[in-house]
Amino acid sequence: MRLKSNIWVAAYLRRCQAEGVFGAVRRRGAEEAGAVFVKVSLLDGNAMLYVPAPQTVYEDGRPVDRFFVPIAPQPLPDHTIEERLTKEIRFDPDAWIVETEDRAGRHFLELARS
């Protein structure tokens, strides 16, 4: 069984805080199983967006993990990220949006292997 989204988000934000990175919940989603989207603002007008990895990347031995994939290999302008988030919320109103700020682009997420 996977950790509830609200608990995962709280733990993720504590991890960011412990590393000296500001983070906040921009939008609360479904507490039980809402998808989590993480925006990492680089504080220069650009950002990275990490979205939930497709279910095909999960191994049978680790079904409870949460893996993420970036929507692009390089940072994108903030307005492009915001447009994508708007579309995601229209598609899935139960989704969470978490935003962090780090000039170095640190995200502290487990990325899916490609």
PDB file of N, CA and C in Angstrom:
ATOM      1  N   MET A   1       0.844  -1.178   0.000  1.00  0.00           N
ATOM      2  CA  MET A   1       0.000   0.000   0.000  1.00  0.00           C
ATOM      3  C   MET A   1       0.887   1.238   0.000  1.00  0.00           C
ATOM      4  N   ARG A   2       0.561   2.202  -0.832  1.00  0.00           N
ATOM      5  CA  ARG A   2       1.343   3.416  -0.965  1.00  0.00           C
ATOM      6  C   ARG A   2       0.993   4.411   0.147  1.00  0.00           C
ATOM      7  N   LEU A   3       1.987   5.171   0.561  1.00  0.00           N
ATOM      8  CA  LEU A   3       1.799   6.217   1.557  1.00  0.00           C
ATOM      9  C   LEU A   3       0.785   7.244   1.055  1.00  0.00           C
ATOM     10  N   LYS A   4      -0.106   7.706   1.907  1.00  0.00           N
ATOM     11  CA  LYS A   4      -1.090   8.707   1.514  1.00  0.00           C
ATOM     12  C   LYS A   4      -0.386   9.958   1.015  1.00  0.00           C
ATOM     13  N   SER A   5      -1.009  10.623   0.054  1.00  0.00           N
ATOM     14  CA  SER A   5      -0.397  11.804  -0.559  1.00  0.00           C
ATOM     15  C   SER A   5      -0.109  12.904   0.456  1.00  0.00           C
ATOM     16  N   ASN A   6      -1.045  13.151   1.376  1.00  0.00           N
ATOM     17  CA  ASN A   6      -0.829  14.234   2.340  1.00  0.00           C
ATOM     18  C   ASN A   6       0.369  13.944   3.245  1.00  0.00           C
ATOM     19  N   ILE A   7       0.586  12.696   3.597  1.00  0.00           N
ATOM     20  CA  ILE A   7       1.732  12.336   4.440  1.00  0.00           C
ATOM     21  C   ILE A   7       3.022  12.437   3.634  1.00  0.00           C
ATOM     22  N   TRP A   8       2.991  11.972   2.380  1.00  0.00           N
ATOM     23  CA  TRP A   8       4.179  12.054   1.528  1.00  0.00           C
ATOM     24  C   TRP A   8       4.593  13.510   1.329  1.00  0.00           C
ATOM     25  N   VAL A   9       3.621  14.380   1.049  1.00  0.00           N
ATOM     26  CA  VAL A   9       3.922  15.804   0.827  1.00  0.00           C
ATOM     27  C   VAL A   9       4.520  16.424   2.087  1.00  0.00           C
ATOM     28  N   ALA A  10       3.955  16.135   3.243  1.00  0.00           N
ATOM     29  CA  ALA A  10       4.485  16.686   4.492  1.00  0.00           C
ATOM     30  C   ALA A  10       5.931  16.234   4.717  1.00  0.00           C
ATOM     31  N   ALA A  11       6.210  14.963   4.469  1.00  0.00           N
ATOM     32  CA  ALA A  11       7.574  14.448   4.638  1.00  0.00           C
ATOM     33  C   ALA A  11       8.522  15.075   3.618  1.00  0.00           C
ATOM     34  N   TYR A  12       8.057  15.239   2.389  1.00  0.00           N
ATOM     35  CA  TYR A  12       8.884  15.856   1.348  1.00  0.00           C
ATOM     36  C   TYR A  12       9.243  17.295   1.722  1.00  0.00           C
ATOM     37  N   LEU A  13       8.278  18.046   2.202  1.00  0.00           N
ATOM     38  CA  LEU A  13       8.552  19.438   2.584  1.00  0.00           C
ATOM     39  C   LEU A  13       9.509  19.515   3.774  1.00  0.00           C
ATOM     40  N   ARG A  14       9.409  18.569   4.703  1.00  0.00           N
ATOM     41  CA  ARG A  14      10.369  18.527   5.818  1.00  0.00           C
ATOM     42  C   ARG A  14      11.772  18.241   5.300  1.00  0.00           C
ATOM     43  N   ARG A  15      11.880  17.339   4.337  1.00  0.00           N
ATOM     44  CA  ARG A  15      13.195  17.038   3.745  1.00  0.00           C
ATOM     45  C   ARG A  15      13.787  18.285   3.086  1.00  0.00           C
ATOM     46  N   CYS A  16      12.963  19.003   2.338  1.00  0.00           N
ATOM     47  CA  CYS A  16      13.430  20.240   1.701  1.00  0.00           C
ATOM     48  C   CYS A  16      13.907  21.233   2.749  1.00  0.00           C
ATOM     49  N   GLN A  17      13.116  21.408   3.803  1.00  0.00           N
ATOM     50  CA  GLN A  17      13.465  22.343   4.866  1.00  0.00           C
ATOM     51  C   GLN A  17      14.783  21.947   5.516  1.00  0.00           C
ATOM     52  N   ALA A  18      14.990  20.655   5.745  1.00  0.00           N
ATOM     53  CA  ALA A  18      16.231  20.190   6.362  1.00  0.00           C
ATOM     54  C   ALA A  18      17.446  20.492   5.487  1.00  0.00           C
ATOM     55  N   GLU A  19      17.234  20.583   4.174  1.00  0.00           N
ATOM     56  CA  GLU A  19      18.319  20.888   3.240  1.00  0.00           C
ATOM     57  C   GLU A  19      18.446  22.385   2.974  1.00  0.00           C
ATOM     58  N   GLY A  20      17.615  23.194   3.645  1.00  0.00           N
ATOM     59  CA  GLY A  20      17.674  24.641   3.469  1.00  0.00           C
ATOM     60  C   GLY A  20      16.948  25.155   2.237  1.00  0.00           C
ATOM     61  N   VAL A  21      16.014  24.360   1.719  1.00  0.00           N
ATOM     62  CA  VAL A  21      15.252  24.729   0.531  1.00  0.00           C
ATOM     63  C   VAL A  21      13.827  25.069   0.943  1.00  0.00           C
ATOM     64  N   PHE A  22      13.345  26.245   0.521  1.00  0.00           N
ATOM     65  CA  PHE A  22      11.974  26.642   0.822  1.00  0.00           C
ATOM     66  C   PHE A  22      11.023  25.837  -0.041  1.00  0.00           C
ATOM     67  N   GLY A  23       9.957  25.362   0.561  1.00  0.00           N
ATOM     68  CA  GLY A  23       8.929  24.634  -0.173  1.00  0.00           C
ATOM     69  C   GLY A  23       7.568  24.872   0.448  1.00  0.00           C
ATOM     70  N   ALA A  24       6.529  24.799  -0.374  1.00  0.00           N
ATOM     71  CA  ALA A  24       5.173  25.019   0.119  1.00  0.00           C
ATOM     72  C   ALA A  24       4.177  24.279  -0.758  1.00  0.00           C
ATOM     73  N   VAL A  25       3.033  23.985  -0.171  1.00  0.00           N
ATOM     74  CA  VAL A  25       1.923  23.396  -0.916  1.00  0.00           C
ATOM     75  C   VAL A  25       1.179  24.538  -1.586  1.00  0.00           C
ATOM     76  N   ARG A  26       1.125  24.521  -2.893  1.00  0.00           N
ATOM     77  CA  ARG A  26       0.359  25.533  -3.630  1.00  0.00           C
ATOM     78  C   ARG A  26      -1.085  25.114  -3.805  1.00  0.00           C
ATOM     79  N   ARG A  27      -1.300  23.809  -3.888  1.00  0.00           N
ATOM     80  CA  ARG A  27      -2.658  23.299  -4.072  1.00  0.00           C
ATOM     81  C   ARG A  27      -2.777  21.946  -3.404  1.00  0.00           C
ATOM     82  N   ARG A  28      -3.758  21.857  -2.527  1.00  0.00           N
ATOM     83  CA  ARG A  28      -4.033  20.586  -1.859  1.00  0.00           C
ATOM     84  C   ARG A  28      -4.905  19.740  -2.759  1.00  0.00           C
ATOM     85  N   GLY A  29      -4.542  18.477  -2.858  1.00  0.00           N
ATOM     86  CA  GLY A  29      -5.336  17.539  -3.639  1.00  0.00           C
ATOM     87  C   GLY A  29      -6.010  16.540  -2.722  1.00  0.00           C
ATOM     88  N   ALA A  30      -6.363  15.420  -3.283  1.00  0.00           N
ATOM     89  CA  ALA A  30      -6.987  14.349  -2.505  1.00  0.00           C
ATOM     90  C   ALA A  30      -5.973  13.820  -1.497  1.00  0.00           C
ATOM     91  N   GLU A  31      -6.373  13.738  -0.239  1.00  0.00           N
ATOM     92  CA  GLU A  31      -5.454  13.332   0.824  1.00  0.00           C
ATOM     93  C   GLU A  31      -4.987  11.895   0.676  1.00  0.00           C
ATOM     94  N   GLU A  32      -5.826  11.034   0.188  1.00  0.00           N
ATOM     95  CA  GLU A  32      -5.491   9.610   0.103  1.00  0.00           C
ATOM     96  C   GLU A  32      -4.534   9.298  -1.040  1.00  0.00           C
ATOM     97  N   ALA A  33      -4.907   9.695  -2.255  1.00  0.00           N
ATOM     98  CA  ALA A  33      -4.133   9.222  -3.405  1.00  0.00           C
ATOM     99  C   ALA A  33      -4.036  10.237  -4.537  1.00  0.00           C
ATOM    100  N   GLY A  34      -4.058  11.516  -4.218  1.00  0.00           N
ATOM    101  CA  GLY A  34      -3.919  12.526  -5.262  1.00  0.00           C
ATOM    102  C   GLY A  34      -2.524  12.505  -5.865  1.00  0.00           C
ATOM    103  N   ALA A  35      -2.444  12.699  -7.177  1.00  0.00           N
ATOM    104  CA  ALA A  35      -1.145  12.789  -7.846  1.00  0.00           C
ATOM    105  C   ALA A  35      -0.420  14.032  -7.351  1.00  0.00           C
ATOM    106  N   VAL A  36       0.908  13.943  -7.252  1.00  0.00           N
ATOM    107  CA  VAL A  36       1.712  15.062  -6.748  1.00  0.00           C
ATOM    108  C   VAL A  36       2.599  15.572  -7.879  1.00  0.00           C
ATOM    109  N   PHE A  37       2.528  16.888  -8.126  1.00  0.00           N
ATOM    110  CA  PHE A  37       3.370  17.557  -9.106  1.00  0.00           C
ATOM    111  C   PHE A  37       4.297  18.489  -8.340  1.00  0.00           C
ATOM    112  N   VAL A  38       5.588  18.444  -8.660  1.00  0.00           N
ATOM    113  CA  VAL A  38       6.574  19.247  -7.939  1.00  0.00           C
ATOM    114  C   VAL A  38       7.229  20.219  -8.910  1.00  0.00           C
ATOM    115  N   LYS A  39       7.054  21.510  -8.628  1.00  0.00           N
ATOM    116  CA  LYS A  39       7.698  22.570  -9.404  1.00  0.00           C
ATOM    117  C   LYS A  39       8.902  23.062  -8.615  1.00  0.00           C
ATOM    118  N   VAL A  40      10.058  23.096  -9.266  1.00  0.00           N
ATOM    119  CA  VAL A  40      11.271  23.609  -8.645  1.00  0.00           C
ATOM    120  C   VAL A  40      11.615  24.911  -9.352  1.00  0.00           C
ATOM    121  N   SER A  41      11.350  26.025  -8.678  1.00  0.00           N
ATOM    122  CA  SER A  41      11.663  27.340  -9.230  1.00  0.00           C
ATOM    123  C   SER A  41      13.149  27.621  -9.056  1.00  0.00           C
ATOM    124  N   LEU A  42      13.792  28.041 -10.145  1.00  0.00           N
ATOM    125  CA  LEU A  42      15.222  28.348 -10.103  1.00  0.00           C
ATOM    126  C   LEU A  42      15.477  29.819  -9.763  1.00  0.00           C
ATOM    127  N   LEU A  43      14.406  30.566  -9.527  1.00  0.00           N
ATOM    128  CA  LEU A  43      14.474  31.968  -9.114  1.00  0.00           C
ATOM    129  C   LEU A  43      15.093  32.875 -10.171  1.00  0.00           C
ATOM    130  N   ASP A  44      15.039  32.437 -11.426  1.00  0.00           N
ATOM    131  CA  ASP A  44      15.539  33.268 -12.522  1.00  0.00           C
ATOM    132  C   ASP A  44      14.515  33.356 -13.652  1.00  0.00           C
ATOM    133  N   GLY A  45      13.261  33.027 -13.343  1.00  0.00           N
ATOM    134  CA  GLY A  45      12.216  33.025 -14.367  1.00  0.00           C
ATOM    135  C   GLY A  45      12.020  31.675 -15.024  1.00  0.00           C
ATOM    136  N   ASN A  46      12.815  30.700 -14.615  1.00  0.00           N
ATOM    137  CA  ASN A  46      12.716  29.346 -15.157  1.00  0.00           C
ATOM    138  C   ASN A  46      12.448  28.362 -14.025  1.00  0.00           C
ATOM    139  N   ALA A  47      11.978  27.179 -14.420  1.00  0.00           N
ATOM    140  CA  ALA A  47      11.668  26.153 -13.426  1.00  0.00           C
ATOM    141  C   ALA A  47      11.713  24.781 -14.072  1.00  0.00           C
ATOM    142  N   MET A  48      11.753  23.785 -13.216  1.00  0.00           N
ATOM    143  CA  MET A  48      11.617  22.386 -13.636  1.00  0.00           C
ATOM    144  C   MET A  48      10.295  21.884 -13.067  1.00  0.00           C
ATOM    145  N   LEU A  49       9.643  21.004 -13.800  1.00  0.00           N
ATOM    146  CA  LEU A  49       8.414  20.396 -13.303  1.00  0.00           C
ATOM    147  C   LEU A  49       8.597  18.891 -13.324  1.00  0.00           C
ATOM    148  N   TYR A  50       8.334  18.274 -12.186  1.00  0.00           N
ATOM    149  CA  TYR A  50       8.415  16.828 -12.039  1.00  0.00           C
ATOM    150  C   TYR A  50       7.005  16.289 -11.857  1.00  0.00           C
ATOM    151  N   VAL A  51       6.664  15.301 -12.661  1.00  0.00           N
ATOM    152  CA  VAL A  51       5.322  14.722 -12.660  1.00  0.00           C
ATOM    153  C   VAL A  51       5.420  13.253 -12.251  1.00  0.00           C
ATOM    154  N   PRO A  52       4.318  12.666 -11.808  1.00  0.00           N
ATOM    155  CA  PRO A  52       4.356  11.245 -11.434  1.00  0.00           C
ATOM    156  C   PRO A  52       4.789  10.386 -12.623  1.00  0.00           C
ATOM    157  N   ALA A  53       5.653   9.436 -12.346  1.00  0.00           N
ATOM    158  CA  ALA A  53       6.111   8.521 -13.387  1.00  0.00           C
ATOM    159  C   ALA A  53       4.980   7.580 -13.784  1.00  0.00           C
ATOM    160  N   PRO A  54       4.987   7.114 -15.015  1.00  0.00           N
ATOM    161  CA  PRO A  54       3.953   6.146 -15.418  1.00  0.00           C
ATOM    162  C   PRO A  54       4.063   4.852 -14.612  1.00  0.00           C
ATOM    163  N   GLN A  55       2.963   4.187 -14.448  1.00  0.00           N
ATOM    164  CA  GLN A  55       2.932   2.959 -13.647  1.00  0.00           C
ATOM    165  C   GLN A  55       3.856   1.875 -14.194  1.00  0.00           C
ATOM    166  N   THR A  56       4.209   1.940 -15.455  1.00  0.00           N
ATOM    167  CA  THR A  56       5.061   0.912 -16.056  1.00  0.00           C
ATOM    168  C   THR A  56       6.479   0.908 -15.498  1.00  0.00           C
ATOM    169  N   VAL A  57       6.905   1.980 -14.805  1.00  0.00           N
ATOM    170  CA  VAL A  57       8.270   2.021 -14.270  1.00  0.00           C
ATOM    171  C   VAL A  57       8.383   1.363 -12.897  1.00  0.00           C
ATOM    172  N   TYR A  58       7.262   1.021 -12.298  1.00  0.00           N
ATOM    173  CA  TYR A  58       7.291   0.451 -10.955  1.00  0.00           C
ATOM    174  C   TYR A  58       7.603  -1.034 -11.002  1.00  0.00           C
ATOM    175  N   GLU A  59       8.466  -1.444 -10.095  1.00  0.00           N
ATOM    176  CA  GLU A  59       8.813  -2.851  -9.974  1.00  0.00           C
ATOM    177  C   GLU A  59       7.829  -3.520  -9.013  1.00  0.00           C
ATOM    178  N   ASP A  60       7.642  -4.808  -9.190  1.00  0.00           N
ATOM    179  CA  ASP A  60       6.742  -5.541  -8.288  1.00  0.00           C
ATOM    180  C   ASP A  60       7.232  -5.491  -6.853  1.00  0.00           C
ATOM    181  N   GLY A  61       8.541  -5.458  -6.663  1.00  0.00           N
ATOM    182  CA  GLY A  61       9.114  -5.458  -5.323  1.00  0.00           C
ATOM    183  C   GLY A  61       9.030  -4.120  -4.618  1.00  0.00           C
ATOM    184  N   ARG A  62       8.731  -3.040  -5.367  1.00  0.00           N
ATOM    185  CA  ARG A  62       8.675  -1.699  -4.764  1.00  0.00           C
ATOM    186  C   ARG A  62       7.430  -0.942  -5.210  1.00  0.00           C
ATOM    187  N   PRO A  63       6.246  -1.508  -5.050  1.00  0.00           N
ATOM    188  CA  PRO A  63       5.040  -0.823  -5.535  1.00  0.00           C
ATOM    189  C   PRO A  63       4.628   0.388  -4.707  1.00  0.00           C
ATOM    190  N   VAL A  64       5.251   0.575  -3.553  1.00  0.00           N
ATOM    191  CA  VAL A  64       4.832   1.672  -2.675  1.00  0.00           C
ATOM    192  C   VAL A  64       5.627   2.949  -2.904  1.00  0.00           C
ATOM    193  N   ASP A  65       6.704   2.868  -3.670  1.00  0.00           N
ATOM    194  CA  ASP A  65       7.525   4.047  -3.922  1.00  0.00           C
ATOM    195  C   ASP A  65       6.791   5.050  -4.805  1.00  0.00           C
ATOM    196  N   ARG A  66       7.252   6.285  -4.748  1.00  0.00           N
ATOM    197  CA  ARG A  66       6.765   7.316  -5.665  1.00  0.00           C
ATOM    198  C   ARG A  66       7.947   7.742  -6.514  1.00  0.00           C
ATOM    199  N   PHE A  67       7.805   7.579  -7.812  1.00  0.00           N
ATOM    200  CA  PHE A  67       8.837   7.997  -8.739  1.00  0.00           C
ATOM    201  C   PHE A  67       8.319   9.157  -9.574  1.00  0.00           C
ATOM    202  N   PHE A  68       9.240   9.996 -10.013  1.00  0.00           N
ATOM    203  CA  PHE A  68       8.892  11.173 -10.798  1.00  0.00           C
ATOM    204  C   PHE A  68       9.725  11.214 -12.063  1.00  0.00           C
ATOM    205  N   VAL A  69       9.225  11.966 -13.039  1.00  0.00           N
ATOM    206  CA  VAL A  69       9.979  12.233 -14.257  1.00  0.00           C
ATOM    207  C   VAL A  69       9.860  13.731 -14.553  1.00  0.00           C
ATOM    208  N   PRO A  70      10.934  14.337 -15.055  1.00  0.00           N
ATOM    209  CA  PRO A  70      10.839  15.746 -15.449  1.00  0.00           C
ATOM    210  C   PRO A  70      10.082  15.851 -16.774  1.00  0.00           C
ATOM    211  N   ILE A  71       9.342  16.933 -16.977  1.00  0.00           N
ATOM    212  CA  ILE A  71       8.622  17.075 -18.249  1.00  0.00           C
ATOM    213  C   ILE A  71       9.569  17.486 -19.366  1.00  0.00           C
ATOM    214  N   ALA A  72      10.749  17.994 -19.020  1.00  0.00           N
ATOM    215  CA  ALA A  72      11.747  18.397 -20.010  1.00  0.00           C
ATOM    216  C   ALA A  72      13.130  18.204 -19.400  1.00  0.00           C
ATOM    217  N   PRO A  73      14.136  17.952 -20.227  1.00  0.00           N
ATOM    218  CA  PRO A  73      15.484  17.750 -19.684  1.00  0.00           C
ATOM    219  C   PRO A  73      16.133  19.038 -19.155  1.00  0.00           C
ATOM    220  N   GLN A  74      15.655  20.170 -19.623  1.00  0.00           N
ATOM    221  CA  GLN A  74      16.202  21.464 -19.216  1.00  0.00           C
ATOM    222  C   GLN A  74      15.099  22.315 -18.601  1.00  0.00           C
ATOM    223  N   PRO A  75      15.474  23.315 -17.775  1.00  0.00           N
ATOM    224  CA  PRO A  75      14.462  24.215 -17.223  1.00  0.00           C
ATOM    225  C   PRO A  75      13.671  24.911 -18.324  1.00  0.00           C
ATOM    226  N   LEU A  76      12.418  25.210 -18.014  1.00  0.00           N
ATOM    227  CA  LEU A  76      11.520  25.903 -18.929  1.00  0.00           C
ATOM    228  C   LEU A  76      11.075  27.218 -18.297  1.00  0.00           C
ATOM    229  N   PRO A  77      10.611  28.178 -19.111  1.00  0.00           N
ATOM    230  CA  PRO A  77      10.080  29.423 -18.545  1.00  0.00           C
ATOM    231  C   PRO A  77       8.906  29.139 -17.597  1.00  0.00           C
ATOM    232  N   ASP A  78       8.807  29.947 -16.549  1.00  0.00           N
ATOM    233  CA  ASP A  78       7.741  29.762 -15.559  1.00  0.00           C
ATOM    234  C   ASP A  78       6.359  29.684 -16.205  1.00  0.00           C
ATOM    235  N   HIS A  79       6.081  30.553 -17.180  1.00  0.00           N
ATOM    236  CA  HIS A  79       4.740  30.568 -17.769  1.00  0.00           C
ATOM    237  C   HIS A  79       4.421  29.250 -18.470  1.00  0.00           C
ATOM    238  N   THR A  80       5.414  28.589 -19.028  1.00  0.00           N
ATOM    239  CA  THR A  80       5.204  27.282 -19.662  1.00  0.00           C
ATOM    240  C   THR A  80       4.834  26.232 -18.609  1.00  0.00           C
ATOM    241  N   ILE A  81       5.528  26.267 -17.491  1.00  0.00           N
ATOM    242  CA  ILE A  81       5.228  25.335 -16.385  1.00  0.00           C
ATOM    243  C   ILE A  81       3.820  25.595 -15.858  1.00  0.00           C
ATOM    244  N   GLU A  82       3.471  26.863 -15.675  1.00  0.00           N
ATOM    245  CA  GLU A  82       2.144  27.199 -15.150  1.00  0.00           C
ATOM    246  C   GLU A  82       1.031  26.759 -16.101  1.00  0.00           C
ATOM    247  N   GLU A  83       1.260  26.883 -17.411  1.00  0.00           N
ATOM    248  CA  GLU A  83       0.265  26.411 -18.378  1.00  0.00           C
ATOM    249  C   GLU A  83       0.066  24.901 -18.242  1.00  0.00           C
ATOM    250  N   ARG A  84       1.155  24.188 -18.088  1.00  0.00           N
ATOM    251  CA  ARG A  84       1.072  22.722 -17.935  1.00  0.00           C
ATOM    252  C   ARG A  84       0.320  22.358 -16.659  1.00  0.00           C
ATOM    253  N   LEU A  85       0.610  23.057 -15.560  1.00  0.00           N
ATOM    254  CA  LEU A  85      -0.078  22.773 -14.302  1.00  0.00           C
ATOM    255  C   LEU A  85      -1.580  23.057 -14.409  1.00  0.00           C
ATOM    256  N   THR A  86      -1.943  24.115 -15.093  1.00  0.00           N
ATOM    257  CA  THR A  86      -3.361  24.428 -15.296  1.00  0.00           C
ATOM    258  C   THR A  86      -4.058  23.289 -16.025  1.00  0.00           C
ATOM    259  N   LYS A  87      -3.411  22.746 -17.063  1.00  0.00           N
ATOM    260  CA  LYS A  87      -3.984  21.618 -17.801  1.00  0.00           C
ATOM    261  C   LYS A  87      -4.103  20.381 -16.916  1.00  0.00           C
ATOM    262  N   GLU A  88      -3.091  20.146 -16.100  1.00  0.00           N
ATOM    263  CA  GLU A  88      -3.118  18.967 -15.229  1.00  0.00           C
ATOM    264  C   GLU A  88      -4.270  19.053 -14.230  1.00  0.00           C
ATOM    265  N   ILE A  89      -4.507  20.236 -13.672  1.00  0.00           N
ATOM    266  CA  ILE A  89      -5.588  20.413 -12.696  1.00  0.00           C
ATOM    267  C   ILE A  89      -6.944  20.238 -13.366  1.00  0.00           C
ATOM    268  N   ARG A  90      -7.085  20.728 -14.591  1.00  0.00           N
ATOM    269  CA  ARG A  90      -8.341  20.515 -15.316  1.00  0.00           C
ATOM    270  C   ARG A  90      -8.591  19.025 -15.538  1.00  0.00           C
ATOM    271  N   PHE A  91      -7.528  18.288 -15.839  1.00  0.00           N
ATOM    272  CA  PHE A  91      -7.637  16.851 -16.088  1.00  0.00           C
ATOM    273  C   PHE A  91      -7.849  16.078 -14.791  1.00  0.00           C
ATOM    274  N   ASP A  92      -7.140  16.483 -13.726  1.00  0.00           N
ATOM    275  CA  ASP A  92      -7.200  15.762 -12.443  1.00  0.00           C
ATOM    276  C   ASP A  92      -7.362  16.752 -11.291  1.00  0.00           C
ATOM    277  N   PRO A  93      -8.595  17.064 -10.924  1.00  0.00           N
ATOM    278  CA  PRO A  93      -8.819  18.047  -9.855  1.00  0.00           C
ATOM    279  C   PRO A  93      -8.364  17.582  -8.471  1.00  0.00           C
ATOM    280  N   ASP A  94      -7.976  16.308  -8.338  1.00  0.00           N
ATOM    281  CA  ASP A  94      -7.490  15.782  -7.058  1.00  0.00           C
ATOM    282  C   ASP A  94      -5.978  15.920  -6.899  1.00  0.00           C
ATOM    283  N   ALA A  95      -5.319  16.516  -7.880  1.00  0.00           N
ATOM    284  CA  ALA A  95      -3.853  16.606  -7.873  1.00  0.00           C
ATOM    285  C   ALA A  95      -3.343  17.649  -6.875  1.00  0.00           C
ATOM    286  N   TRP A  96      -2.139  17.391  -6.389  1.00  0.00           N
ATOM    287  CA  TRP A  96      -1.416  18.306  -5.512  1.00  0.00           C
ATOM    288  C   TRP A  96      -0.383  19.073  -6.333  1.00  0.00           C
ATOM    289  N   ILE A  97      -0.105  20.319  -5.942  1.00  0.00           N
ATOM    290  CA  ILE A  97       1.016  21.065  -6.514  1.00  0.00           C
ATOM    291  C   ILE A  97       1.887  21.522  -5.360  1.00  0.00           C
ATOM    292  N   VAL A  98       3.148  21.108  -5.404  1.00  0.00           N
ATOM    293  CA  VAL A  98       4.139  21.506  -4.409  1.00  0.00           C
ATOM    294  C   VAL A  98       5.185  22.330  -5.142  1.00  0.00           C
ATOM    295  N   GLU A  99       5.575  23.439  -4.568  1.00  0.00           N
ATOM    296  CA  GLU A  99       6.599  24.275  -5.205  1.00  0.00           C
ATOM    297  C   GLU A  99       7.752  24.500  -4.251  1.00  0.00           C
ATOM    298  N   THR A 100       8.952  24.349  -4.781  1.00  0.00           N
ATOM    299  CA  THR A 100      10.157  24.642  -4.016  1.00  0.00           C
ATOM    300  C   THR A 100      10.952  25.703  -4.763  1.00  0.00           C
ATOM    301  N   GLU A 101      11.868  26.343  -4.050  1.00  0.00           N
ATOM    302  CA  GLU A 101      12.735  27.360  -4.648  1.00  0.00           C
ATOM    303  C   GLU A 101      14.172  27.012  -4.340  1.00  0.00           C
ATOM    304  N   ASP A 102      14.954  26.800  -5.396  1.00  0.00           N
ATOM    305  CA  ASP A 102      16.361  26.482  -5.211  1.00  0.00           C
ATOM    306  C   ASP A 102      17.120  26.840  -6.484  1.00  0.00           C
ATOM    307  N   ARG A 103      18.043  27.771  -6.371  1.00  0.00           N
ATOM    308  CA  ARG A 103      18.817  28.205  -7.542  1.00  0.00           C
ATOM    309  C   ARG A 103      19.591  27.053  -8.182  1.00  0.00           C
ATOM    310  N   ALA A 104      19.980  26.076  -7.384  1.00  0.00           N
ATOM    311  CA  ALA A 104      20.732  24.934  -7.897  1.00  0.00           C
ATOM    312  C   ALA A 104      19.817  23.868  -8.512  1.00  0.00           C
ATOM    313  N   GLY A 105      18.517  24.005  -8.328  1.00  0.00           N
ATOM    314  CA  GLY A 105      17.572  23.065  -8.917  1.00  0.00           C
ATOM    315  C   GLY A 105      17.466  21.728  -8.201  1.00  0.00           C
ATOM    316  N   ARG A 106      17.906  21.686  -6.935  1.00  0.00           N
ATOM    317  CA  ARG A 106      17.797  20.430  -6.182  1.00  0.00           C
ATOM    318  C   ARG A 106      16.324  20.084  -5.973  1.00  0.00           C
ATOM    319  N   HIS A 107      15.988  18.804  -6.112  1.00  0.00           N
ATOM    320  CA  HIS A 107      14.581  18.404  -6.002  1.00  0.00           C
ATOM    321  C   HIS A 107      14.333  17.319  -4.964  1.00  0.00           C
ATOM    322  N   PHE A 108      15.318  16.507  -4.594  1.00  0.00           N
ATOM    323  CA  PHE A 108      15.189  15.477  -3.557  1.00  0.00           C
ATOM    324  C   PHE A 108      14.118  14.433  -3.871  1.00  0.00           C
ATOM    325  N   LEU A 109      13.859  14.203  -5.146  1.00  0.00           N
ATOM    326  CA  LEU A 109      12.865  13.221  -5.575  1.00  0.00           C
ATOM    327  C   LEU A 109      13.552  11.978  -6.119  1.00  0.00           C
ATOM    328  N   GLU A 110      12.840  10.855  -6.055  1.00  0.00           N
ATOM    329  CA  GLU A 110      13.333   9.644  -6.704  1.00  0.00           C
ATOM    330  C   GLU A 110      12.853   9.697  -8.150  1.00  0.00           C
ATOM    331  N   LEU A 111      13.808   9.738  -9.076  1.00  0.00           N
ATOM    332  CA  LEU A 111      13.462   9.794 -10.482  1.00  0.00           C
ATOM    333  C   LEU A 111      13.390   8.387 -11.055  1.00  0.00           C
ATOM    334  N   ALA A 112      12.420   8.194 -11.945  1.00  0.00           N
ATOM    335  CA  ALA A 112      12.271   6.903 -12.611  1.00  0.00           C
ATOM    336  C   ALA A 112      13.416   6.707 -13.590  1.00  0.00           C
ATOM    337  N   ARG A 113      13.853   5.482 -13.709  1.00  0.00           N
ATOM    338  CA  ARG A 113      14.886   5.161 -14.701  1.00  0.00           C
ATOM    339  C   ARG A 113      14.255   5.141 -16.073  1.00  0.00           C
ATOM    340  N   SER A 114      14.940   5.728 -17.034  1.00  0.00           N
ATOM    341  CA  SER A 114      14.374   5.750 -18.381  1.00  0.00           C
ATOM    342  C   SER A 114      14.825   4.582 -19.212  1.00  0.00           C
TER     343      SER A 114
END
